[in-house]
Amino acid sequence: MHRVIAVVLTVTVQLSLAAPLLAQQWSEHQPADLGYRIEFPGRPTLSAEDVPTLAGPIRMFIAEVGRGHELFLVLASERRPHPATSGPEPELERVANSYIARNNRRVREDRRLSFGDAPARRLVLEDPQQGTVLTIVIVLGGTHMYQVSLTAPPGGESSLDAQRFFSSFALVPR
């Protein structure tokens, strides 16, 4: 009898620990003609909007999943030459500085990366006014710019979900 109770308790505890993992459904998102793929912790909401820039309006495609106090987001837009920018490094610098300047964010990390031959930059920024941390990877892939970001409470930037989200991003042929 004690053995049966022990087995039932063990199975119950294991199921209760696994329940959050089973409840979360990750989905792969690979939009046609945008040249990337990524995994989201759920089905992303998709939208598009025209964004005014110095080089003229640019169509931005948005995929996002909000979960509690977290926002998983990918922005994909066509790259157009900026009048003050020549080459990928100044372009990455300009975009990174625009994120840093918003709300006087404090830079925790600023690292240069690449995805194959596509230059990229990773920023981890604290927003003291909002009490959040923004982690963003900006990728200049051919004719497109990709901005992959997670806004979360402090500590969320290093969670297993954050790692899975960012490591799943890849450039793919169009």
N, C-alpha and C. Protein backbone atom coordinates (compact mmCIF):
# COMPACT_ATOMS: atom_id res chain seq x y z
N MET A 1 0.81 -1.19 0.00
CA MET A 1 0.00 0.00 0.00
C MET A 1 0.86 1.27 0.00
N HIS A 2 1.90 1.30 0.86
CA HIS A 2 2.78 2.47 0.92
C HIS A 2 3.51 2.66 -0.41
N ARG A 3 3.82 1.54 -1.05
CA ARG A 3 4.51 1.62 -2.33
C ARG A 3 3.63 2.25 -3.40
N VAL A 4 2.35 1.91 -3.43
CA VAL A 4 1.41 2.49 -4.39
C VAL A 4 1.28 3.99 -4.15
N ILE A 5 1.19 4.40 -2.89
CA ILE A 5 1.07 5.83 -2.56
C ILE A 5 2.34 6.56 -3.01
N ALA A 6 3.50 5.97 -2.78
CA ALA A 6 4.76 6.60 -3.18
C ALA A 6 4.84 6.77 -4.69
N VAL A 7 4.40 5.76 -5.43
CA VAL A 7 4.42 5.85 -6.89
C VAL A 7 3.47 6.93 -7.37
N VAL A 8 2.26 6.99 -6.81
CA VAL A 8 1.28 8.00 -7.20
C VAL A 8 1.81 9.39 -6.89
N LEU A 9 2.41 9.59 -5.72
CA LEU A 9 2.98 10.89 -5.36
C LEU A 9 4.12 11.28 -6.31
N THR A 10 4.97 10.33 -6.65
CA THR A 10 6.09 10.61 -7.55
C THR A 10 5.58 11.04 -8.92
N VAL A 11 4.62 10.32 -9.46
CA VAL A 11 4.06 10.65 -10.77
C VAL A 11 3.37 12.02 -10.72
N THR A 12 2.62 12.29 -9.64
CA THR A 12 1.93 13.58 -9.50
C THR A 12 2.92 14.73 -9.46
N VAL A 13 4.00 14.59 -8.71
CA VAL A 13 5.02 15.64 -8.62
C VAL A 13 5.68 15.85 -9.98
N GLN A 14 6.02 14.77 -10.68
CA GLN A 14 6.66 14.89 -11.99
C GLN A 14 5.74 15.58 -12.99
N LEU A 15 4.46 15.24 -12.98
CA LEU A 15 3.51 15.88 -13.88
C LEU A 15 3.33 17.36 -13.55
N SER A 16 3.31 17.69 -12.27
CA SER A 16 3.14 19.11 -11.92
C SER A 16 4.36 19.93 -12.31
N LEU A 17 5.54 19.33 -12.28
CA LEU A 17 6.75 20.04 -12.72
C LEU A 17 6.79 20.17 -14.23
N ALA A 18 6.26 19.21 -14.94
CA ALA A 18 6.29 19.23 -16.40
C ALA A 18 5.15 20.05 -17.00
N ALA A 19 4.10 20.32 -16.24
CA ALA A 19 2.93 21.02 -16.78
C ALA A 19 3.26 22.36 -17.43
N PRO A 20 4.09 23.23 -16.80
CA PRO A 20 4.39 24.49 -17.48
C PRO A 20 5.10 24.29 -18.82
N LEU A 21 5.94 23.26 -18.91
CA LEU A 21 6.63 22.99 -20.16
C LEU A 21 5.67 22.48 -21.23
N LEU A 22 4.72 21.68 -20.81
CA LEU A 22 3.75 21.14 -21.76
C LEU A 22 2.77 22.21 -22.22
N ALA A 23 2.46 23.17 -21.34
CA ALA A 23 1.47 24.19 -21.65
C ALA A 23 1.99 25.18 -22.69
N GLN A 24 3.28 25.34 -22.75
CA GLN A 24 3.84 26.33 -23.66
C GLN A 24 4.11 25.70 -25.01
N GLN A 25 3.49 26.22 -26.04
CA GLN A 25 3.66 25.71 -27.39
C GLN A 25 4.49 26.68 -28.20
N TRP A 26 5.68 26.29 -28.56
CA TRP A 26 6.53 27.11 -29.42
C TRP A 26 6.12 26.88 -30.86
N SER A 27 6.19 27.93 -31.66
CA SER A 27 5.85 27.77 -33.07
C SER A 27 6.92 28.44 -33.92
N GLU A 28 7.22 27.79 -35.04
CA GLU A 28 8.18 28.35 -35.99
C GLU A 28 7.46 29.36 -36.87
N HIS A 29 8.12 30.47 -37.08
CA HIS A 29 7.57 31.53 -37.94
C HIS A 29 8.58 31.79 -39.04
N GLN A 30 8.16 31.60 -40.30
CA GLN A 30 9.01 31.85 -41.45
C GLN A 30 8.16 32.50 -42.53
N PRO A 31 8.07 33.84 -42.49
CA PRO A 31 7.22 34.51 -43.48
C PRO A 31 7.80 34.42 -44.88
N ALA A 32 6.92 34.32 -45.85
CA ALA A 32 7.35 34.24 -47.25
C ALA A 32 8.01 35.55 -47.66
N ASP A 33 9.09 35.45 -48.36
CA ASP A 33 9.78 36.60 -48.97
C ASP A 33 10.44 37.58 -48.01
N LEU A 34 10.56 37.25 -46.72
CA LEU A 34 11.26 38.18 -45.81
C LEU A 34 12.64 37.68 -45.42
N GLY A 35 12.96 36.43 -45.70
CA GLY A 35 14.33 35.95 -45.54
C GLY A 35 14.77 35.60 -44.13
N TYR A 36 13.83 35.24 -43.25
CA TYR A 36 14.23 34.80 -41.91
C TYR A 36 13.27 33.74 -41.38
N ARG A 37 13.75 33.07 -40.33
CA ARG A 37 12.90 32.15 -39.57
C ARG A 37 13.24 32.33 -38.10
N ILE A 38 12.27 32.05 -37.24
CA ILE A 38 12.48 32.17 -35.79
C ILE A 38 11.40 31.36 -35.09
N GLU A 39 11.63 31.03 -33.85
CA GLU A 39 10.63 30.34 -33.03
C GLU A 39 10.11 31.32 -31.98
N PHE A 40 8.78 31.33 -31.82
CA PHE A 40 8.11 32.16 -30.81
C PHE A 40 7.46 31.25 -29.77
N PRO A 41 7.31 31.75 -28.54
CA PRO A 41 6.60 30.97 -27.50
C PRO A 41 5.09 31.12 -27.65
N GLY A 42 4.58 30.72 -28.79
CA GLY A 42 3.17 30.85 -29.12
C GLY A 42 3.04 31.33 -30.55
N ARG A 43 1.82 31.44 -31.02
CA ARG A 43 1.59 31.94 -32.39
C ARG A 43 1.72 33.46 -32.40
N PRO A 44 2.57 33.99 -33.28
CA PRO A 44 2.74 35.44 -33.31
C PRO A 44 1.56 36.16 -33.97
N THR A 45 1.31 37.36 -33.48
CA THR A 45 0.38 38.27 -34.13
C THR A 45 1.17 38.99 -35.21
N LEU A 46 0.61 39.08 -36.40
CA LEU A 46 1.30 39.67 -37.54
C LEU A 46 0.63 40.97 -37.96
N SER A 47 1.46 41.95 -38.31
CA SER A 47 0.95 43.21 -38.83
C SER A 47 2.02 43.86 -39.69
N ALA A 48 1.65 44.95 -40.34
CA ALA A 48 2.59 45.70 -41.16
C ALA A 48 2.18 47.16 -41.09
N GLU A 49 3.18 48.04 -41.19
CA GLU A 49 2.89 49.46 -41.20
C GLU A 49 3.97 50.19 -41.99
N ASP A 50 3.60 51.34 -42.52
CA ASP A 50 4.57 52.18 -43.22
C ASP A 50 5.19 53.13 -42.21
N VAL A 51 6.52 53.15 -42.18
CA VAL A 51 7.26 53.96 -41.23
C VAL A 51 7.97 55.07 -41.99
N PRO A 52 7.76 56.33 -41.60
CA PRO A 52 8.47 57.40 -42.30
C PRO A 52 9.95 57.42 -41.89
N THR A 53 10.83 57.59 -42.87
CA THR A 53 12.26 57.72 -42.61
C THR A 53 12.80 58.84 -43.49
N LEU A 54 14.04 59.26 -43.25
CA LEU A 54 14.67 60.27 -44.08
C LEU A 54 14.81 59.80 -45.52
N ALA A 55 14.88 58.48 -45.72
CA ALA A 55 15.00 57.92 -47.07
C ALA A 55 13.64 57.66 -47.70
N GLY A 56 12.56 58.07 -47.04
CA GLY A 56 11.21 57.83 -47.53
C GLY A 56 10.52 56.76 -46.71
N PRO A 57 9.22 56.56 -46.91
CA PRO A 57 8.49 55.56 -46.13
C PRO A 57 8.99 54.14 -46.43
N ILE A 58 9.06 53.36 -45.36
CA ILE A 58 9.50 51.97 -45.47
C ILE A 58 8.43 51.08 -44.84
N ARG A 59 8.10 50.01 -45.51
CA ARG A 59 7.12 49.04 -45.00
C ARG A 59 7.80 48.16 -43.97
N MET A 60 7.25 48.12 -42.75
CA MET A 60 7.81 47.30 -41.68
C MET A 60 6.83 46.17 -41.36
N PHE A 61 7.35 44.95 -41.35
CA PHE A 61 6.55 43.77 -41.02
C PHE A 61 6.84 43.39 -39.58
N ILE A 62 5.78 43.14 -38.81
CA ILE A 62 5.90 42.94 -37.37
C ILE A 62 5.31 41.58 -37.02
N ALA A 63 6.06 40.82 -36.23
CA ALA A 63 5.58 39.56 -35.66
C ALA A 63 5.85 39.64 -34.17
N GLU A 64 4.83 39.38 -33.35
CA GLU A 64 5.02 39.54 -31.91
C GLU A 64 4.17 38.56 -31.10
N VAL A 65 4.72 38.24 -29.94
CA VAL A 65 4.01 37.44 -28.96
C VAL A 65 4.19 38.13 -27.62
N GLY A 66 3.07 38.53 -27.01
CA GLY A 66 3.10 39.07 -25.66
C GLY A 66 2.74 37.96 -24.70
N ARG A 67 3.50 37.87 -23.63
CA ARG A 67 3.25 36.81 -22.64
C ARG A 67 3.53 37.38 -21.26
N GLY A 68 2.47 37.68 -20.53
CA GLY A 68 2.65 38.29 -19.22
C GLY A 68 3.35 39.64 -19.37
N HIS A 69 4.50 39.79 -18.72
CA HIS A 69 5.28 41.03 -18.79
C HIS A 69 6.38 40.96 -19.84
N GLU A 70 6.30 40.00 -20.75
CA GLU A 70 7.32 39.84 -21.78
C GLU A 70 6.73 40.12 -23.16
N LEU A 71 7.56 40.70 -24.02
CA LEU A 71 7.17 40.92 -25.41
C LEU A 71 8.28 40.41 -26.31
N PHE A 72 7.99 39.36 -27.09
CA PHE A 72 8.90 38.79 -28.08
C PHE A 72 8.51 39.42 -29.41
N LEU A 73 9.48 40.03 -30.11
CA LEU A 73 9.15 40.84 -31.27
C LEU A 73 10.20 40.70 -32.36
N VAL A 74 9.74 40.63 -33.61
CA VAL A 74 10.64 40.70 -34.77
C VAL A 74 10.09 41.76 -35.71
N LEU A 75 10.96 42.70 -36.08
CA LEU A 75 10.64 43.70 -37.09
C LEU A 75 11.50 43.42 -38.30
N ALA A 76 10.90 43.39 -39.47
CA ALA A 76 11.64 43.18 -40.72
C ALA A 76 11.25 44.29 -41.67
N SER A 77 12.26 44.95 -42.23
CA SER A 77 11.98 46.04 -43.16
C SER A 77 13.04 46.08 -44.25
N GLU A 78 12.67 46.69 -45.34
CA GLU A 78 13.61 46.89 -46.44
C GLU A 78 14.67 47.90 -45.99
N ARG A 79 15.91 47.65 -46.40
CA ARG A 79 16.99 48.61 -46.12
C ARG A 79 17.06 49.60 -47.26
N ARG A 80 17.13 50.85 -46.92
CA ARG A 80 17.36 51.90 -47.91
C ARG A 80 18.52 52.74 -47.42
N PRO A 81 19.35 53.21 -48.32
CA PRO A 81 20.48 54.03 -47.89
C PRO A 81 20.01 55.26 -47.13
N HIS A 82 20.60 55.49 -45.99
CA HIS A 82 20.32 56.68 -45.19
C HIS A 82 21.30 57.76 -45.64
N PRO A 83 20.85 59.00 -45.79
CA PRO A 83 21.76 60.04 -46.29
C PRO A 83 23.05 60.18 -45.49
N ALA A 84 23.01 59.93 -44.19
CA ALA A 84 24.21 60.12 -43.36
C ALA A 84 24.97 58.82 -43.13
N THR A 85 24.56 57.74 -43.79
CA THR A 85 25.16 56.44 -43.52
C THR A 85 25.73 55.84 -44.80
N SER A 86 26.98 55.43 -44.72
CA SER A 86 27.55 54.69 -45.85
C SER A 86 28.21 53.44 -45.29
N GLY A 87 27.64 52.29 -45.58
CA GLY A 87 28.18 51.02 -45.10
C GLY A 87 27.42 50.49 -43.91
N PRO A 88 27.60 49.21 -43.61
CA PRO A 88 26.82 48.57 -42.56
C PRO A 88 27.15 49.03 -41.14
N GLU A 89 28.41 49.28 -40.83
CA GLU A 89 28.75 49.65 -39.45
C GLU A 89 28.11 50.97 -39.02
N PRO A 90 28.19 52.03 -39.83
CA PRO A 90 27.49 53.27 -39.45
C PRO A 90 25.97 53.08 -39.36
N GLU A 91 25.43 52.22 -40.21
CA GLU A 91 23.98 51.96 -40.17
C GLU A 91 23.60 51.25 -38.87
N LEU A 92 24.37 50.25 -38.49
CA LEU A 92 24.12 49.56 -37.21
C LEU A 92 24.28 50.53 -36.04
N GLU A 93 25.29 51.38 -36.10
CA GLU A 93 25.53 52.36 -35.04
C GLU A 93 24.34 53.31 -34.89
N ARG A 94 23.82 53.78 -36.01
CA ARG A 94 22.69 54.71 -35.99
C ARG A 94 21.46 54.06 -35.35
N VAL A 95 21.16 52.83 -35.75
CA VAL A 95 19.98 52.13 -35.21
C VAL A 95 20.19 51.83 -33.72
N ALA A 96 21.37 51.37 -33.36
CA ALA A 96 21.66 51.07 -31.95
C ALA A 96 21.52 52.33 -31.11
N ASN A 97 22.07 53.44 -31.57
CA ASN A 97 21.99 54.69 -30.81
C ASN A 97 20.55 55.16 -30.63
N SER A 98 19.69 54.90 -31.61
CA SER A 98 18.29 55.30 -31.46
C SER A 98 17.62 54.51 -30.34
N TYR A 99 17.97 53.23 -30.19
CA TYR A 99 17.41 52.44 -29.08
C TYR A 99 17.96 52.90 -27.74
N ILE A 100 19.24 53.20 -27.69
CA ILE A 100 19.87 53.62 -26.44
C ILE A 100 19.29 54.96 -25.98
N ALA A 101 19.06 55.88 -26.90
CA ALA A 101 18.60 57.22 -26.55
C ALA A 101 17.20 57.24 -25.96
N ARG A 102 16.35 56.29 -26.35
CA ARG A 102 14.97 56.27 -25.84
C ARG A 102 14.97 56.04 -24.35
N ASN A 103 14.32 56.90 -23.62
CA ASN A 103 14.14 56.78 -22.16
C ASN A 103 15.45 56.69 -21.38
N ASN A 104 16.52 57.22 -21.94
CA ASN A 104 17.82 57.19 -21.25
C ASN A 104 18.17 55.78 -20.78
N ARG A 105 18.08 54.84 -21.68
CA ARG A 105 18.38 53.45 -21.32
C ARG A 105 19.86 53.28 -21.00
N ARG A 106 20.12 52.43 -20.03
CA ARG A 106 21.50 52.13 -19.62
C ARG A 106 21.98 50.90 -20.36
N VAL A 107 23.16 50.99 -20.97
CA VAL A 107 23.71 49.89 -21.76
C VAL A 107 24.37 48.88 -20.83
N ARG A 108 23.87 47.67 -20.86
CA ARG A 108 24.49 46.55 -20.13
C ARG A 108 25.46 45.79 -21.02
N GLU A 109 25.08 45.68 -22.29
CA GLU A 109 25.91 44.92 -23.25
C GLU A 109 25.77 45.55 -24.62
N ASP A 110 26.86 45.61 -25.33
CA ASP A 110 26.87 46.10 -26.72
C ASP A 110 27.93 45.28 -27.44
N ARG A 111 27.47 44.37 -28.30
CA ARG A 111 28.40 43.43 -28.93
C ARG A 111 28.12 43.33 -30.42
N ARG A 112 29.19 43.29 -31.18
CA ARG A 112 29.08 43.08 -32.63
C ARG A 112 29.04 41.58 -32.91
N LEU A 113 28.16 41.20 -33.85
CA LEU A 113 27.98 39.80 -34.23
C LEU A 113 27.92 39.71 -35.74
N SER A 114 27.72 38.50 -36.22
CA SER A 114 27.39 38.32 -37.63
C SER A 114 26.56 37.05 -37.77
N PHE A 115 25.73 37.04 -38.78
CA PHE A 115 24.95 35.87 -39.17
C PHE A 115 25.44 35.52 -40.56
N GLY A 116 26.40 34.61 -40.64
CA GLY A 116 27.07 34.34 -41.90
C GLY A 116 27.85 35.59 -42.28
N ASP A 117 27.54 36.16 -43.44
CA ASP A 117 28.23 37.39 -43.83
C ASP A 117 27.40 38.64 -43.52
N ALA A 118 26.29 38.48 -42.80
CA ALA A 118 25.43 39.62 -42.44
C ALA A 118 25.90 40.21 -41.12
N PRO A 119 26.29 41.50 -41.11
CA PRO A 119 26.71 42.13 -39.86
C PRO A 119 25.53 42.32 -38.92
N ALA A 120 25.81 42.27 -37.63
CA ALA A 120 24.75 42.39 -36.64
C ALA A 120 25.29 43.03 -35.36
N ARG A 121 24.38 43.42 -34.52
CA ARG A 121 24.74 44.03 -33.24
C ARG A 121 23.74 43.58 -32.20
N ARG A 122 24.25 43.24 -31.02
CA ARG A 122 23.39 42.81 -29.91
C ARG A 122 23.51 43.82 -28.78
N LEU A 123 22.37 44.31 -28.32
CA LEU A 123 22.31 45.25 -27.22
C LEU A 123 21.45 44.68 -26.10
N VAL A 124 21.88 44.90 -24.87
CA VAL A 124 21.04 44.64 -23.71
C VAL A 124 20.96 45.97 -22.97
N LEU A 125 19.73 46.50 -22.87
CA LEU A 125 19.51 47.84 -22.34
C LEU A 125 18.52 47.82 -21.19
N GLU A 126 18.86 48.51 -20.11
CA GLU A 126 17.96 48.67 -18.98
C GLU A 126 17.16 49.94 -19.15
N ASP A 127 15.87 49.86 -18.92
CA ASP A 127 15.00 51.03 -18.96
C ASP A 127 14.53 51.29 -17.53
N PRO A 128 15.20 52.22 -16.81
CA PRO A 128 14.86 52.44 -15.41
C PRO A 128 13.44 53.00 -15.21
N GLN A 129 12.93 53.75 -16.17
CA GLN A 129 11.58 54.29 -16.03
C GLN A 129 10.52 53.21 -16.12
N GLN A 130 10.73 52.23 -16.98
CA GLN A 130 9.76 51.15 -17.17
C GLN A 130 10.04 49.95 -16.28
N GLY A 131 11.26 49.85 -15.73
CA GLY A 131 11.63 48.68 -14.94
C GLY A 131 11.77 47.43 -15.78
N THR A 132 12.24 47.61 -17.03
CA THR A 132 12.38 46.48 -17.95
C THR A 132 13.78 46.43 -18.52
N VAL A 133 14.07 45.30 -19.15
CA VAL A 133 15.33 45.12 -19.88
C VAL A 133 14.96 44.77 -21.32
N LEU A 134 15.56 45.49 -22.25
CA LEU A 134 15.36 45.24 -23.67
C LEU A 134 16.61 44.57 -24.20
N THR A 135 16.45 43.39 -24.78
CA THR A 135 17.53 42.71 -25.49
C THR A 135 17.16 42.75 -26.95
N ILE A 136 18.07 43.25 -27.78
CA ILE A 136 17.77 43.37 -29.20
C ILE A 136 18.98 42.97 -30.03
N VAL A 137 18.70 42.23 -31.09
CA VAL A 137 19.72 41.89 -32.08
C VAL A 137 19.28 42.53 -33.39
N ILE A 138 20.14 43.39 -33.93
CA ILE A 138 19.87 44.09 -35.19
C ILE A 138 20.74 43.43 -36.25
N VAL A 139 20.12 42.96 -37.32
CA VAL A 139 20.84 42.23 -38.37
C VAL A 139 20.60 42.92 -39.70
N LEU A 140 21.69 43.18 -40.43
CA LEU A 140 21.60 43.74 -41.77
C LEU A 140 21.83 42.61 -42.76
N GLY A 141 20.75 42.03 -43.24
CA GLY A 141 20.83 40.88 -44.13
C GLY A 141 20.44 41.24 -45.54
N GLY A 142 21.42 41.52 -46.37
CA GLY A 142 21.15 41.85 -47.77
C GLY A 142 20.33 43.12 -47.89
N THR A 143 19.14 43.00 -48.46
CA THR A 143 18.28 44.16 -48.68
C THR A 143 17.33 44.44 -47.52
N HIS A 144 17.47 43.67 -46.41
CA HIS A 144 16.56 43.84 -45.29
C HIS A 144 17.31 44.07 -43.97
N MET A 145 16.60 44.74 -43.07
CA MET A 145 17.06 44.89 -41.70
C MET A 145 16.09 44.11 -40.81
N TYR A 146 16.65 43.36 -39.87
CA TYR A 146 15.85 42.58 -38.93
C TYR A 146 16.18 43.08 -37.52
N GLN A 147 15.14 43.26 -36.72
CA GLN A 147 15.32 43.66 -35.33
C GLN A 147 14.57 42.64 -34.48
N VAL A 148 15.33 41.79 -33.81
CA VAL A 148 14.79 40.71 -33.00
C VAL A 148 14.93 41.14 -31.55
N SER A 149 13.81 41.25 -30.82
CA SER A 149 13.92 41.80 -29.47
C SER A 149 13.02 41.09 -28.47
N LEU A 150 13.44 41.21 -27.22
CA LEU A 150 12.67 40.73 -26.08
C LEU A 150 12.69 41.83 -25.04
N THR A 151 11.52 42.27 -24.63
CA THR A 151 11.38 43.20 -23.51
C THR A 151 10.81 42.38 -22.36
N ALA A 152 11.51 42.42 -21.21
CA ALA A 152 11.12 41.59 -20.09
C ALA A 152 11.54 42.26 -18.79
N PRO A 153 10.98 41.81 -17.66
CA PRO A 153 11.48 42.29 -16.37
C PRO A 153 12.94 41.87 -16.20
N PRO A 154 13.69 42.55 -15.34
CA PRO A 154 15.08 42.17 -15.11
C PRO A 154 15.21 40.67 -14.81
N GLY A 155 16.18 40.04 -15.44
CA GLY A 155 16.40 38.60 -15.31
C GLY A 155 15.82 37.83 -16.48
N GLY A 156 14.77 38.36 -17.11
CA GLY A 156 14.14 37.69 -18.23
C GLY A 156 15.03 37.61 -19.46
N GLU A 157 16.00 38.51 -19.55
CA GLU A 157 16.89 38.52 -20.71
C GLU A 157 17.81 37.31 -20.76
N SER A 158 17.98 36.61 -19.64
CA SER A 158 18.85 35.44 -19.63
C SER A 158 18.08 34.14 -19.39
N SER A 159 16.76 34.17 -19.51
CA SER A 159 15.95 32.98 -19.28
C SER A 159 16.16 31.97 -20.41
N LEU A 160 15.74 30.74 -20.17
CA LEU A 160 15.82 29.71 -21.20
C LEU A 160 14.97 30.08 -22.41
N ASP A 161 13.81 30.71 -22.18
CA ASP A 161 12.97 31.13 -23.30
C ASP A 161 13.67 32.20 -24.13
N ALA A 162 14.33 33.13 -23.48
CA ALA A 162 15.07 34.17 -24.22
C ALA A 162 16.17 33.53 -25.05
N GLN A 163 16.88 32.59 -24.46
CA GLN A 163 17.96 31.92 -25.20
C GLN A 163 17.40 31.17 -26.41
N ARG A 164 16.30 30.48 -26.21
CA ARG A 164 15.71 29.73 -27.32
C ARG A 164 15.25 30.68 -28.42
N PHE A 165 14.59 31.77 -28.04
CA PHE A 165 14.08 32.73 -29.01
C PHE A 165 15.22 33.29 -29.87
N PHE A 166 16.26 33.82 -29.24
CA PHE A 166 17.34 34.45 -30.00
C PHE A 166 18.17 33.42 -30.79
N SER A 167 18.40 32.26 -30.21
CA SER A 167 19.22 31.27 -30.93
C SER A 167 18.47 30.64 -32.11
N SER A 168 17.14 30.77 -32.13
CA SER A 168 16.38 30.19 -33.24
C SER A 168 16.34 31.10 -34.47
N PHE A 169 16.75 32.36 -34.32
CA PHE A 169 16.72 33.27 -35.47
C PHE A 169 17.77 32.86 -36.49
N ALA A 170 17.35 32.82 -37.76
CA ALA A 170 18.27 32.49 -38.85
C ALA A 170 17.82 33.20 -40.12
N LEU A 171 18.79 33.58 -40.91
CA LEU A 171 18.50 34.10 -42.24
C LEU A 171 18.31 32.92 -43.18
N VAL A 172 17.33 33.00 -44.03
CA VAL A 172 17.04 31.91 -44.97
C VAL A 172 16.88 32.49 -46.37
N PRO A 173 17.11 31.67 -47.39
CA PRO A 173 16.95 32.17 -48.77
C PRO A 173 15.51 32.59 -49.03
N ARG A 174 15.36 33.63 -49.82
CA ARG A 174 14.02 34.09 -50.22
C ARG A 174 13.60 33.44 -51.49
